[in-house]
Amino acid sequence: MLISTTPTLEGKRIVTYLGLVSGEAILGANVFRDVFASVRDIVGGRSGAYEQELRRAKEIAVQEMTEQASALGATAVVGVDLDYETIGSNGSMLMVSASGTAVVYE
């Protein structure tokens, strides 16, 4: 399955638009990682734990979107957009959503 952030596929002709597909991932952050990340923010540097969780959430959201597109008979998803949010009263959860248009191309 082709996944593209662009609305078209270079060299391919989209023959059918099947509609909007999406996937979401909501992951809770580990308390110890939160504390460690806060220390890192104060001292400087990157938080590897958060980066890893962010990548994991993105992979889950894109996988769900792709599965939804496959169920519709799509061969690609175009116009893909990824959104990242923290949710919860103290921002303790991470939400990643992926959405795009399922299409059939030739």
C-alpha atoms as a PDB file:
ATOM      1  CA  MET A   1       0.000   0.000   0.000  1.00  0.00           C
ATOM      2  CA  LEU A   2       1.379   3.397  -0.972  1.00  0.00           C
ATOM      3  CA  ILE A   3       1.129   6.140   1.631  1.00  0.00           C
ATOM      4  CA  SER A   4       1.626   9.736   0.478  1.00  0.00           C
ATOM      5  CA  THR A   5       1.298  13.157   2.039  1.00  0.00           C
ATOM      6  CA  THR A   6       0.664  14.593  -1.426  1.00  0.00           C
ATOM      7  CA  PRO A   7      -2.801  14.618  -3.048  1.00  0.00           C
ATOM      8  CA  THR A   8      -1.534  12.790  -6.149  1.00  0.00           C
ATOM      9  CA  LEU A   9       0.826   9.929  -6.982  1.00  0.00           C
ATOM     10  CA  GLU A  10       3.475  10.912  -9.501  1.00  0.00           C
ATOM     11  CA  GLY A  11       3.308   8.686 -12.563  1.00  0.00           C
ATOM     12  CA  LYS A  12       0.096   7.011 -11.380  1.00  0.00           C
ATOM     13  CA  ARG A  13      -3.517   7.727 -12.233  1.00  0.00           C
ATOM     14  CA  ILE A  14      -6.037   7.664  -9.398  1.00  0.00           C
ATOM     15  CA  VAL A  15      -9.149   5.921 -10.720  1.00  0.00           C
ATOM     16  CA  THR A  16     -11.336   5.701  -7.613  1.00  0.00           C
ATOM     17  CA  TYR A  17     -11.622   7.765  -4.453  1.00  0.00           C
ATOM     18  CA  LEU A  18     -12.943   5.588  -1.633  1.00  0.00           C
ATOM     19  CA  GLY A  19     -13.179   8.193   1.106  1.00  0.00           C
ATOM     20  CA  LEU A  20     -11.578   9.310   4.331  1.00  0.00           C
ATOM     21  CA  VAL A  21      -9.651   6.807   6.438  1.00  0.00           C
ATOM     22  CA  SER A  22      -8.032   7.401   9.801  1.00  0.00           C
ATOM     23  CA  GLY A  23      -6.184   5.773  12.641  1.00  0.00           C
ATOM     24  CA  GLU A  24      -5.518   6.885  16.182  1.00  0.00           C
ATOM     25  CA  ALA A  25      -3.163   5.894  18.943  1.00  0.00           C
ATOM     26  CA  ILE A  26      -3.393   7.066  22.534  1.00  0.00           C
ATOM     27  CA  LEU A  27      -0.531   6.054  24.769  1.00  0.00           C
ATOM     28  CA  GLY A  28      -0.030   6.756  28.447  1.00  0.00           C
ATOM     29  CA  ALA A  29       3.386   8.022  29.470  1.00  0.00           C
ATOM     30  CA  ASN A  30       5.218   6.130  32.183  1.00  0.00           C
ATOM     31  CA  VAL A  31       5.611   8.151  35.417  1.00  0.00           C
ATOM     32  CA  PHE A  32       9.323   7.392  35.695  1.00  0.00           C
ATOM     33  CA  ARG A  33       9.904   8.455  32.112  1.00  0.00           C
ATOM     34  CA  ASP A  34       7.999  11.688  32.837  1.00  0.00           C
ATOM     35  CA  VAL A  35      10.308  12.468  35.745  1.00  0.00           C
ATOM     36  CA  PHE A  36      13.389  11.606  33.698  1.00  0.00           C
ATOM     37  CA  ALA A  37      12.173  13.740  30.782  1.00  0.00           C
ATOM     38  CA  SER A  38      11.593  16.689  33.127  1.00  0.00           C
ATOM     39  CA  VAL A  39      15.163  16.411  34.388  1.00  0.00           C
ATOM     40  CA  ARG A  40      16.395  16.242  30.803  1.00  0.00           C
ATOM     41  CA  ASP A  41      14.392  19.350  29.923  1.00  0.00           C
ATOM     42  CA  ILE A  42      16.002  21.238  32.793  1.00  0.00           C
ATOM     43  CA  VAL A  43      19.538  20.019  32.016  1.00  0.00           C
ATOM     44  CA  GLY A  44      19.105  20.083  28.249  1.00  0.00           C
ATOM     45  CA  GLY A  45      19.262  17.368  25.640  1.00  0.00           C
ATOM     46  CA  ARG A  46      16.746  15.101  24.025  1.00  0.00           C
ATOM     47  CA  SER A  47      14.290  12.800  25.713  1.00  0.00           C
ATOM     48  CA  GLY A  48      14.819   9.419  24.059  1.00  0.00           C
ATOM     49  CA  ALA A  49      11.885   7.876  25.933  1.00  0.00           C
ATOM     50  CA  TYR A  50       9.411  10.410  24.542  1.00  0.00           C
ATOM     51  CA  GLU A  51      10.888  10.165  21.052  1.00  0.00           C
ATOM     52  CA  GLN A  52      10.465   6.393  21.147  1.00  0.00           C
ATOM     53  CA  GLU A  53       6.846   6.679  22.362  1.00  0.00           C
ATOM     54  CA  LEU A  54       6.108   9.258  19.668  1.00  0.00           C
ATOM     55  CA  ARG A  55       7.458   6.971  16.930  1.00  0.00           C
ATOM     56  CA  ARG A  56       5.494   4.028  18.348  1.00  0.00           C
ATOM     57  CA  ALA A  57       2.250   6.033  18.422  1.00  0.00           C
ATOM     58  CA  LYS A  58       2.790   7.225  14.841  1.00  0.00           C
ATOM     59  CA  GLU A  59       3.371   3.657  13.638  1.00  0.00           C
ATOM     60  CA  ILE A  60       0.177   2.455  15.340  1.00  0.00           C
ATOM     61  CA  ALA A  61      -1.935   5.298  13.899  1.00  0.00           C
ATOM     62  CA  VAL A  62      -0.598   4.800  10.355  1.00  0.00           C
ATOM     63  CA  GLN A  63      -1.094   1.023  10.629  1.00  0.00           C
ATOM     64  CA  GLU A  64      -4.742   1.480  11.689  1.00  0.00           C
ATOM     65  CA  MET A  65      -5.322   3.927   8.819  1.00  0.00           C
ATOM     66  CA  THR A  66      -3.737   1.492   6.354  1.00  0.00           C
ATOM     67  CA  GLU A  67      -5.871  -1.403   7.610  1.00  0.00           C
ATOM     68  CA  GLN A  68      -9.016   0.687   7.189  1.00  0.00           C
ATOM     69  CA  ALA A  69      -7.972   1.583   3.631  1.00  0.00           C
ATOM     70  CA  SER A  70      -7.229  -2.060   2.783  1.00  0.00           C
ATOM     71  CA  ALA A  71     -10.666  -3.080   4.027  1.00  0.00           C
ATOM     72  CA  LEU A  72     -12.160  -0.641   1.487  1.00  0.00           C
ATOM     73  CA  GLY A  73     -10.069  -2.145  -1.331  1.00  0.00           C
ATOM     74  CA  ALA A  74      -7.644   0.775  -1.599  1.00  0.00           C
ATOM     75  CA  THR A  75      -4.209   0.492  -3.145  1.00  0.00           C
ATOM     76  CA  ALA A  76      -2.970   3.793  -1.672  1.00  0.00           C
ATOM     77  CA  VAL A  77      -3.756   6.546   0.817  1.00  0.00           C
ATOM     78  CA  VAL A  78      -3.097  10.100  -0.347  1.00  0.00           C
ATOM     79  CA  GLY A  79      -3.134  13.465   1.403  1.00  0.00           C
ATOM     80  CA  VAL A  80      -1.992  11.872   4.665  1.00  0.00           C
ATOM     81  CA  ASP A  81      -1.853  14.194   7.658  1.00  0.00           C
ATOM     82  CA  LEU A  82      -0.385  13.355  11.066  1.00  0.00           C
ATOM     83  CA  ASP A  83      -1.518  15.247  14.157  1.00  0.00           C
ATOM     84  CA  TYR A  84       0.078  15.060  17.596  1.00  0.00           C
ATOM     85  CA  GLU A  85      -1.625  16.085  20.853  1.00  0.00           C
ATOM     86  CA  THR A  86      -1.184  15.625  24.562  1.00  0.00           C
ATOM     87  CA  ILE A  87      -4.384  14.899  26.429  1.00  0.00           C
ATOM     88  CA  GLY A  88      -5.442  14.431  30.017  1.00  0.00           C
ATOM     89  CA  SER A  89      -5.588  16.900  32.875  1.00  0.00           C
ATOM     90  CA  ASN A  90      -1.814  17.008  33.157  1.00  0.00           C
ATOM     91  CA  GLY A  91      -0.936  16.121  29.576  1.00  0.00           C
ATOM     92  CA  SER A  92       0.009  12.613  30.662  1.00  0.00           C
ATOM     93  CA  MET A  93      -1.242  10.913  27.514  1.00  0.00           C
ATOM     94  CA  LEU A  94      -0.041  11.206  23.955  1.00  0.00           C
ATOM     95  CA  MET A  95      -2.439  11.022  21.011  1.00  0.00           C
ATOM     96  CA  VAL A  96      -1.368  10.655  17.409  1.00  0.00           C
ATOM     97  CA  SER A  97      -3.913  10.606  14.606  1.00  0.00           C
ATOM     98  CA  ALA A  98      -3.317   9.825  10.947  1.00  0.00           C
ATOM     99  CA  SER A  99      -5.877  10.574   8.252  1.00  0.00           C
ATOM    100  CA  GLY A 100      -5.983  10.563   4.485  1.00  0.00           C
ATOM    101  CA  THR A 101      -8.018   9.604   1.444  1.00  0.00           C
ATOM    102  CA  ALA A 102      -8.175   5.953   0.396  1.00  0.00           C
ATOM    103  CA  VAL A 103      -7.794   5.560  -3.369  1.00  0.00           C
ATOM    104  CA  VAL A 104      -7.307   2.998  -6.090  1.00  0.00           C
ATOM    105  CA  TYR A 105      -4.625   3.812  -8.655  1.00  0.00           C
ATOM    106  CA  GLU A 106      -3.417   2.209 -11.871  1.00  0.00           C
END
